[in-house]
C-alpha atoms as a PDB file:
ATOM      1  CA  MET A   1      -8.747   6.743  19.327  1.00  0.00           C
ATOM      2  CA  THR A   2      -6.968   7.971  15.931  1.00  0.00           C
ATOM      3  CA  SER A   3     -10.057   8.175  13.580  1.00  0.00           C
ATOM      4  CA  SER A   4     -10.244   6.189  10.507  1.00  0.00           C
ATOM      5  CA  SER A   5     -11.681   6.789   6.844  1.00  0.00           C
ATOM      6  CA  TYR A   6     -13.199   3.365   7.508  1.00  0.00           C
ATOM      7  CA  SER A   7     -17.071   3.771   8.591  1.00  0.00           C
ATOM      8  CA  PRO A   8     -18.429   0.936  10.692  1.00  0.00           C
ATOM      9  CA  ALA A   9     -21.350   1.435   8.246  1.00  0.00           C
ATOM     10  CA  THR A  10     -19.361   0.914   4.629  1.00  0.00           C
ATOM     11  CA  THR A  11     -19.549  -2.495   3.159  1.00  0.00           C
ATOM     12  CA  VAL A  12     -16.512  -4.753   4.050  1.00  0.00           C
ATOM     13  CA  GLY A  13     -16.957  -5.617  -0.034  1.00  0.00           C
ATOM     14  CA  ASP A  14     -16.588  -0.844  -0.810  1.00  0.00           C
ATOM     15  CA  ILE A  15     -13.453  -1.242   1.504  1.00  0.00           C
ATOM     16  CA  VAL A  16     -11.411  -4.152  -0.350  1.00  0.00           C
ATOM     17  CA  ALA A  17     -12.929  -2.662  -3.813  1.00  0.00           C
ATOM     18  CA  ARG A  18     -11.161   0.590  -2.696  1.00  0.00           C
ATOM     19  CA  GLN A  19      -7.929  -1.147  -1.219  1.00  0.00           C
ATOM     20  CA  PRO A  20      -8.145  -4.912  -2.524  1.00  0.00           C
ATOM     21  CA  LEU A  21      -4.727  -5.362  -0.366  1.00  0.00           C
ATOM     22  CA  LEU A  22      -6.274  -5.020   2.738  1.00  0.00           C
ATOM     23  CA  ALA A  23      -8.088  -8.356   1.381  1.00  0.00           C
ATOM     24  CA  ARG A  24      -5.274  -9.793   3.792  1.00  0.00           C
ATOM     25  CA  VAL A  25      -5.989  -7.832   6.771  1.00  0.00           C
ATOM     26  CA  PHE A  26      -9.717  -9.480   6.419  1.00  0.00           C
ATOM     27  CA  GLU A  27      -8.239 -12.847   5.815  1.00  0.00           C
ATOM     28  CA  ARG A  28      -6.320 -13.205   8.700  1.00  0.00           C
ATOM     29  CA  VAL A  29      -9.417 -12.584  11.273  1.00  0.00           C
ATOM     30  CA  GLY A  30     -11.834 -14.397   9.064  1.00  0.00           C
ATOM     31  CA  ILE A  31     -13.723 -12.050   7.435  1.00  0.00           C
ATOM     32  CA  ASP A  32     -15.421 -13.175   3.767  1.00  0.00           C
ATOM     33  CA  TYR A  33     -15.053  -9.865   1.986  1.00  0.00           C
ATOM     34  CA  CYS A  34     -15.872 -11.545  -1.431  1.00  0.00           C
ATOM     35  CA  CYS A  35     -19.635 -13.729  -1.239  1.00  0.00           C
ATOM     36  CA  GLY A  36     -19.862 -11.491   2.624  1.00  0.00           C
ATOM     37  CA  GLY A  37     -19.079  -8.502   0.902  1.00  0.00           C
ATOM     38  CA  LYS A  38     -22.059  -7.062   1.654  1.00  0.00           C
ATOM     39  CA  LYS A  39     -22.009  -6.591   4.820  1.00  0.00           C
ATOM     40  CA  THR A  40     -21.338  -3.585   6.799  1.00  0.00           C
ATOM     41  CA  LEU A  41     -17.771  -3.689   8.478  1.00  0.00           C
ATOM     42  CA  ALA A  42     -19.738  -3.365  11.817  1.00  0.00           C
ATOM     43  CA  ALA A  43     -21.541  -6.435  10.895  1.00  0.00           C
ATOM     44  CA  ALA A  44     -18.554  -8.186   9.892  1.00  0.00           C
ATOM     45  CA  CYS A  45     -17.067  -7.041  13.018  1.00  0.00           C
ATOM     46  CA  ALA A  46     -19.690  -8.178  15.346  1.00  0.00           C
ATOM     47  CA  ALA A  47     -19.458 -11.613  14.274  1.00  0.00           C
ATOM     48  CA  LYS A  48     -15.850 -12.147  15.306  1.00  0.00           C
ATOM     49  CA  ASN A  49     -16.194 -10.178  18.382  1.00  0.00           C
ATOM     50  CA  LEU A  50     -13.952  -7.586  17.018  1.00  0.00           C
ATOM     51  CA  ASP A  51     -14.214  -3.558  17.638  1.00  0.00           C
ATOM     52  CA  PRO A  52     -15.059  -1.932  14.588  1.00  0.00           C
ATOM     53  CA  ALA A  53     -13.856   1.283  15.483  1.00  0.00           C
ATOM     54  CA  THR A  54     -10.576  -0.439  16.607  1.00  0.00           C
ATOM     55  CA  PHE A  55     -10.332  -2.665  13.384  1.00  0.00           C
ATOM     56  CA  ALA A  56     -11.235   0.344  11.036  1.00  0.00           C
ATOM     57  CA  VAL A  57      -7.842   1.913  12.304  1.00  0.00           C
ATOM     58  CA  LEU A  58      -6.022  -1.035  11.932  1.00  0.00           C
ATOM     59  CA  LEU A  59      -7.070  -0.803   8.242  1.00  0.00           C
ATOM     60  CA  GLU A  60      -6.093   2.818   7.793  1.00  0.00           C
ATOM     61  CA  ALA A  61      -2.358   1.825   9.045  1.00  0.00           C
ATOM     62  CA  ALA A  62      -2.350  -1.204   6.641  1.00  0.00           C
ATOM     63  CA  ALA A  63      -3.665   0.747   3.857  1.00  0.00           C
ATOM     64  CA  GLN A  64      -0.873   3.310   4.841  1.00  0.00           C
ATOM     65  CA  LEU A  65       1.395   0.472   5.103  1.00  0.00           C
ATOM     66  CA  ALA A  66       0.634  -1.413   1.765  1.00  0.00           C
ATOM     67  CA  GLY A  67       1.742   1.652  -0.206  1.00  0.00           C
ATOM     68  CA  SER A  68       4.969   3.066   1.369  1.00  0.00           C
ATOM     69  CA  GLY A  69       7.736   1.660   3.052  1.00  0.00           C
ATOM     70  CA  PRO A  70      11.251   2.853   3.925  1.00  0.00           C
ATOM     71  CA  ALA A  71      13.827   3.314   1.455  1.00  0.00           C
ATOM     72  CA  VAL A  72      16.927   0.792   2.224  1.00  0.00           C
ATOM     73  CA  ASP A  73      20.189   1.734   1.306  1.00  0.00           C
ATOM     74  CA  ALA A  74      21.412  -1.782  -0.051  1.00  0.00           C
ATOM     75  CA  ALA A  75      24.953  -0.660  -1.147  1.00  0.00           C
ATOM     76  CA  ALA A  76      25.673   0.692   2.444  1.00  0.00           C
ATOM     77  CA  MET A  77      24.772  -2.766   3.713  1.00  0.00           C
ATOM     78  CA  SER A  78      27.823  -5.217   4.298  1.00  0.00           C
ATOM     79  CA  LEU A  79      27.199  -8.376   2.297  1.00  0.00           C
ATOM     80  CA  THR A  80      26.073  -9.955   5.818  1.00  0.00           C
ATOM     81  CA  ALA A  81      23.531  -7.347   6.653  1.00  0.00           C
ATOM     82  CA  LEU A  82      21.965  -7.363   3.160  1.00  0.00           C
ATOM     83  CA  ALA A  83      22.019 -11.104   2.427  1.00  0.00           C
ATOM     84  CA  ASP A  84      19.806 -11.088   6.119  1.00  0.00           C
ATOM     85  CA  HIS A  85      17.596  -8.129   4.896  1.00  0.00           C
ATOM     86  CA  ILE A  86      17.119 -10.044   1.653  1.00  0.00           C
ATOM     87  CA  GLU A  87      16.076 -13.339   3.673  1.00  0.00           C
ATOM     88  CA  GLN A  88      13.985 -11.023   6.374  1.00  0.00           C
ATOM     89  CA  SER A  89      12.395  -8.875   4.317  1.00  0.00           C
ATOM     90  CA  HIS A  90      11.734 -10.175   0.936  1.00  0.00           C
ATOM     91  CA  HIS A  91      11.874 -14.180   1.635  1.00  0.00           C
ATOM     92  CA  ALA A  92       9.808 -13.859   4.121  1.00  0.00           C
ATOM     93  CA  TYR A  93       7.282 -12.047   2.160  1.00  0.00           C
ATOM     94  CA  LEU A  94       7.651 -14.816  -0.396  1.00  0.00           C
ATOM     95  CA  LYS A  95       7.131 -17.386   1.675  1.00  0.00           C
ATOM     96  CA  ASP A  96       3.755 -15.491   3.072  1.00  0.00           C
ATOM     97  CA  GLU A  97       2.680 -13.922   0.058  1.00  0.00           C
ATOM     98  CA  LEU A  98       3.018 -16.694  -2.832  1.00  0.00           C
ATOM     99  CA  PRO A  99       0.423 -19.735  -1.385  1.00  0.00           C
ATOM    100  CA  GLN A 100      -2.195 -17.147  -0.603  1.00  0.00           C
ATOM    101  CA  LEU A 101      -1.817 -15.845  -4.340  1.00  0.00           C
ATOM    102  CA  VAL A 102      -1.868 -19.523  -5.773  1.00  0.00           C
ATOM    103  CA  ALA A 103      -5.072 -20.412  -3.663  1.00  0.00           C
ATOM    104  CA  GLN A 104      -6.833 -16.664  -4.718  1.00  0.00           C
ATOM    105  CA  ALA A 105      -5.868 -17.538  -8.383  1.00  0.00           C
ATOM    106  CA  GLU A 106      -7.059 -21.102  -8.594  1.00  0.00           C
ATOM    107  CA  HIS A 107     -10.368 -19.725  -6.926  1.00  0.00           C
ATOM    108  CA  VAL A 108     -10.641 -17.172  -9.157  1.00  0.00           C
ATOM    109  CA  ALA A 109      -9.851 -19.559 -12.302  1.00  0.00           C
ATOM    110  CA  THR A 110     -12.503 -22.111 -10.608  1.00  0.00           C
ATOM    111  CA  LYS A 111     -15.126 -19.476 -10.534  1.00  0.00           C
ATOM    112  CA  HIS A 112     -14.483 -17.761 -13.609  1.00  0.00           C
ATOM    113  CA  ALA A 113     -12.677 -19.280 -16.523  1.00  0.00           C
ATOM    114  CA  GLY A 114     -16.028 -19.522 -18.425  1.00  0.00           C
ATOM    115  CA  ARG A 115     -15.868 -15.279 -18.649  1.00  0.00           C
ATOM    116  CA  ASP A 116     -12.101 -15.465 -19.240  1.00  0.00           C
ATOM    117  CA  ALA A 117      -9.832 -18.348 -20.346  1.00  0.00           C
ATOM    118  CA  ARG A 118      -6.644 -16.953 -19.767  1.00  0.00           C
ATOM    119  CA  LEU A 119      -7.728 -17.294 -15.761  1.00  0.00           C
ATOM    120  CA  ALA A 120      -6.610 -20.833 -16.101  1.00  0.00           C
ATOM    121  CA  ASP A 121      -3.085 -19.736 -17.278  1.00  0.00           C
ATOM    122  CA  VAL A 122      -2.937 -17.655 -14.612  1.00  0.00           C
ATOM    123  CA  ALA A 123      -3.707 -19.584 -11.902  1.00  0.00           C
ATOM    124  CA  ALA A 124      -1.064 -22.322 -13.872  1.00  0.00           C
ATOM    125  CA  THR A 125       1.867 -19.366 -14.057  1.00  0.00           C
ATOM    126  CA  THR A 126       1.218 -18.559 -10.421  1.00  0.00           C
ATOM    127  CA  ARG A 127       1.677 -21.774  -9.349  1.00  0.00           C
ATOM    128  CA  GLU A 128       4.879 -22.203 -11.274  1.00  0.00           C
ATOM    129  CA  LEU A 129       6.260 -19.506 -10.192  1.00  0.00           C
ATOM    130  CA  ALA A 130       5.786 -19.933  -6.318  1.00  0.00           C
ATOM    131  CA  GLU A 131       7.039 -23.406  -7.136  1.00  0.00           C
ATOM    132  CA  GLU A 132      10.436 -22.013  -8.546  1.00  0.00           C
ATOM    133  CA  MET A 133      10.896 -19.100  -6.114  1.00  0.00           C
ATOM    134  CA  PHE A 134      10.603 -21.627  -3.089  1.00  0.00           C
ATOM    135  CA  SER A 135      13.143 -23.929  -5.057  1.00  0.00           C
ATOM    136  CA  HIS A 136      15.577 -21.047  -5.557  1.00  0.00           C
ATOM    137  CA  MET A 137      15.064 -19.242  -1.659  1.00  0.00           C
ATOM    138  CA  ALA A 138      16.335 -22.443  -0.386  1.00  0.00           C
ATOM    139  CA  LYS A 139      19.062 -22.730  -2.383  1.00  0.00           C
ATOM    140  CA  GLU A 140      20.038 -19.015  -1.553  1.00  0.00           C
ATOM    141  CA  GLU A 141      19.525 -19.936   2.164  1.00  0.00           C
ATOM    142  CA  ARG A 142      21.187 -23.284   2.390  1.00  0.00           C
ATOM    143  CA  ILE A 143      23.878 -22.262  -0.204  1.00  0.00           C
ATOM    144  CA  LEU A 144      24.820 -19.227  -1.663  1.00  0.00           C
ATOM    145  CA  PHE A 145      24.236 -16.689   0.895  1.00  0.00           C
ATOM    146  CA  PRO A 146      26.186 -18.847   4.070  1.00  0.00           C
ATOM    147  CA  LEU A 147      28.933 -18.850   1.128  1.00  0.00           C
ATOM    148  CA  VAL A 148      28.844 -14.930   0.947  1.00  0.00           C
ATOM    149  CA  ARG A 149      29.167 -14.685   4.790  1.00  0.00           C
ATOM    150  CA  ALA A 150      31.503 -17.019   4.976  1.00  0.00           C
ATOM    151  CA  LEU A 151      33.898 -14.662   2.163  1.00  0.00           C
ATOM    152  CA  GLU A 152      32.678 -11.619   4.188  1.00  0.00           C
ATOM    153  CA  ARG A 153      34.285 -13.428   7.569  1.00  0.00           C
ATOM    154  CA  GLY A 154      37.568 -14.023   5.213  1.00  0.00           C
ATOM    155  CA  GLU A 155      37.297 -18.084   5.766  1.00  0.00           C
ATOM    156  CA  ALA A 156      39.291 -19.614   3.358  1.00  0.00           C
ATOM    157  CA  GLY A 157      37.862 -22.300   0.620  1.00  0.00           C
ATOM    158  CA  ALA A 158      34.310 -20.443   1.620  1.00  0.00           C
ATOM    159  CA  GLY A 159      33.520 -21.852  -2.151  1.00  0.00           C
ATOM    160  CA  HIS A 160      34.583 -25.523  -1.362  1.00  0.00           C
ATOM    161  CA  GLY A 161      37.144 -25.044  -4.149  1.00  0.00           C
ATOM    162  CA  GLY A 162      34.592 -23.332  -6.737  1.00  0.00           C
ATOM    163  CA  SER A 163      34.081 -19.841  -7.595  1.00  0.00           C
ATOM    164  CA  ILE A 164      30.750 -18.370  -6.094  1.00  0.00           C
ATOM    165  CA  ALA A 165      30.265 -17.412  -9.201  1.00  0.00           C
ATOM    166  CA  ASN A 166      28.861 -20.646 -10.089  1.00  0.00           C
ATOM    167  CA  PRO A 167      26.058 -20.535  -7.966  1.00  0.00           C
ATOM    168  CA  ILE A 168      25.586 -17.310  -8.562  1.00  0.00           C
ATOM    169  CA  ARG A 169      24.972 -17.476 -12.472  1.00  0.00           C
ATOM    170  CA  GLN A 170      22.353 -20.044 -11.572  1.00  0.00           C
ATOM    171  CA  MET A 171      20.404 -17.677  -9.415  1.00  0.00           C
ATOM    172  CA  GLU A 172      20.697 -15.060 -11.886  1.00  0.00           C
ATOM    173  CA  SER A 173      19.484 -17.530 -14.598  1.00  0.00           C
ATOM    174  CA  GLU A 174      16.483 -18.731 -12.022  1.00  0.00           C
ATOM    175  CA  HIS A 175      16.132 -14.962 -11.499  1.00  0.00           C
ATOM    176  CA  ASP A 176      15.556 -14.480 -15.320  1.00  0.00           C
ATOM    177  CA  SER A 177      13.070 -16.978 -15.390  1.00  0.00           C
ATOM    178  CA  ALA A 178      10.369 -15.444 -12.558  1.00  0.00           C
ATOM    179  CA  GLY A 179      10.482 -12.335 -14.130  1.00  0.00           C
ATOM    180  CA  GLY A 180       9.725 -13.981 -17.070  1.00  0.00           C
ATOM    181  CA  ALA A 181       6.682 -15.409 -15.600  1.00  0.00           C
ATOM    182  CA  VAL A 182       5.920 -12.355 -14.066  1.00  0.00           C
ATOM    183  CA  ALA A 183       5.591 -10.792 -17.470  1.00  0.00           C
ATOM    184  CA  ARG A 184       3.505 -13.210 -18.088  1.00  0.00           C
ATOM    185  CA  LEU A 185       1.198 -12.736 -15.524  1.00  0.00           C
ATOM    186  CA  ARG A 186       0.937  -9.059 -16.537  1.00  0.00           C
ATOM    187  CA  LEU A 187      -0.006  -9.932 -20.162  1.00  0.00           C
ATOM    188  CA  LEU A 188      -2.435 -12.153 -19.119  1.00  0.00           C
ATOM    189  CA  THR A 189      -4.250  -9.625 -16.756  1.00  0.00           C
ATOM    190  CA  ASP A 190      -3.884  -6.353 -19.066  1.00  0.00           C
ATOM    191  CA  GLY A 191      -1.548  -4.797 -16.827  1.00  0.00           C
ATOM    192  CA  PHE A 192      -3.004  -6.485 -13.509  1.00  0.00           C
ATOM    193  CA  THR A 193      -6.246  -4.302 -14.145  1.00  0.00           C
ATOM    194  CA  PRO A 194      -9.777  -6.022 -13.231  1.00  0.00           C
ATOM    195  CA  ASP A 195     -12.479  -5.821 -15.478  1.00  0.00           C
ATOM    196  CA  THR A 196     -16.061  -4.429 -14.634  1.00  0.00           C
ATOM    197  CA  ASN A 197     -16.729  -7.777 -13.803  1.00  0.00           C
ATOM    198  CA  ALA A 198     -14.198  -8.741 -11.810  1.00  0.00           C
ATOM    199  CA  CYS A 199     -15.488 -10.153  -8.045  1.00  0.00           C
ATOM    200  CA  ASN A 200     -13.237  -9.061  -4.884  1.00  0.00           C
ATOM    201  CA  THR A 201     -11.186 -12.110  -4.909  1.00  0.00           C
ATOM    202  CA  HIS A 202     -10.291 -11.590  -8.433  1.00  0.00           C
ATOM    203  CA  ARG A 203      -9.300  -7.709  -7.767  1.00  0.00           C
ATOM    204  CA  ALA A 204      -7.213  -8.959  -4.553  1.00  0.00           C
ATOM    205  CA  LEU A 205      -5.295 -11.408  -6.573  1.00  0.00           C
ATOM    206  CA  LEU A 206      -4.490  -8.768  -9.393  1.00  0.00           C
ATOM    207  CA  ALA A 207      -3.596  -6.409  -6.459  1.00  0.00           C
ATOM    208  CA  GLY A 208      -1.355  -8.623  -4.818  1.00  0.00           C
ATOM    209  CA  LEU A 209       0.325  -9.869  -7.981  1.00  0.00           C
ATOM    210  CA  ALA A 210       1.300  -6.327  -9.187  1.00  0.00           C
ATOM    211  CA  ARG A 211       2.717  -5.830  -5.249  1.00  0.00           C
ATOM    212  CA  LEU A 212       4.681  -9.288  -6.273  1.00  0.00           C
ATOM    213  CA  GLU A 213       6.017  -7.644  -9.326  1.00  0.00           C
ATOM    214  CA  THR A 214       7.105  -4.470  -7.818  1.00  0.00           C
ATOM    215  CA  ASP A 215       9.053  -6.458  -4.632  1.00  0.00           C
ATOM    216  CA  LEU A 216      10.384  -9.285  -7.231  1.00  0.00           C
ATOM    217  CA  HIS A 217      11.813  -6.015  -8.966  1.00  0.00           C
ATOM    218  CA  GLU A 218      13.218  -4.590  -5.747  1.00  0.00           C
ATOM    219  CA  HIS A 219      14.761  -8.605  -4.651  1.00  0.00           C
ATOM    220  CA  VAL A 220      16.129  -8.981  -7.513  1.00  0.00           C
ATOM    221  CA  HIS A 221      17.800  -5.504  -7.913  1.00  0.00           C
ATOM    222  CA  LYS A 222      19.379  -5.838  -4.742  1.00  0.00           C
ATOM    223  CA  GLU A 223      21.113  -9.453  -5.730  1.00  0.00           C
ATOM    224  CA  ASN A 224      22.263  -8.968  -9.344  1.00  0.00           C
ATOM    225  CA  ASN A 225      23.249  -5.757  -8.938  1.00  0.00           C
ATOM    226  CA  VAL A 226      24.646  -5.244  -5.152  1.00  0.00           C
ATOM    227  CA  LEU A 227      25.118  -8.348  -3.473  1.00  0.00           C
ATOM    228  CA  PHE A 228      26.308 -10.345  -6.279  1.00  0.00           C
ATOM    229  CA  PRO A 229      28.904  -7.906  -8.186  1.00  0.00           C
ATOM    230  CA  ARG A 230      30.210  -7.337  -4.125  1.00  0.00           C
ATOM    231  CA  ALA A 231      30.575 -10.651  -3.644  1.00  0.00           C
ATOM    232  CA  LEU A 232      32.348 -11.571  -6.594  1.00  0.00           C
ATOM    233  CA  ALA A 233      34.831  -8.159  -6.184  1.00  0.00           C
ATOM    234  CA  LEU A 234      35.112  -9.734  -2.530  1.00  0.00           C
ATOM    235  CA  GLU A 235      36.202 -13.344  -3.778  1.00  0.00           C
ATOM    236  CA  ALA A 236      38.682 -11.554  -6.558  1.00  0.00           C
ATOM    237  CA  ARG A 237      40.399  -9.253  -4.379  1.00  0.00           C
ATOM    238  CA  ALA A 238      40.795 -12.660  -1.766  1.00  0.00           C
ATOM    239  CA  SER A 239      42.143 -14.696  -4.512  1.00  0.00           C
ATOM    240  CA  ALA A 240      44.582 -12.171  -5.498  1.00  0.00           C
ATOM    241  CA  ALA A 241      46.069 -11.693  -1.860  1.00  0.00           C
END
């Protein structure tokens, strides 16, 4: 079996403190890494009937994946393939991640707002961002992306009499709003940096928000700078033909 740097004697809390994004792995198998953080990996796995050596290898793989991902050449994709990619990667990630971040932010605010009053704002901003992004993704998946795919197929009247520029303009405005919310979260959390008193749930939240920021930047780039301009150019060529 492949070896791992995570020893069965390492405490769950120490693992998450070193790699906060691994909190997601523990959450999915029901291991308490916060209040139960003093348990060793062996003890925590035993309570869940998991083999600690096998689980340690899974943690190692998850830690490597959290810090790296294959580069995607968005410009080389067809418009349909790019829209599919955005839905299957960025939208899928947000649908999975945002509810967890909202729950963590609200938990941390409830427990620790007395220590840092900004945590209530962090929770409110995270919740508002999640609501906005779920609405935004629904509009893209139900309206804009089907129009883009139809346009690429050469279907006449794909925009139902109106230019695709109108929904694109709305999506770009919502991107600006989401970017502002993430910038506010960065400000409220001192650049997603935990203080010395931050619990593991707080650290996992900050790591998750930092990853969200990175993914959102990549997501918006693929739409604003690749998908949307190419769709507009294709519409213009089709109209001129």
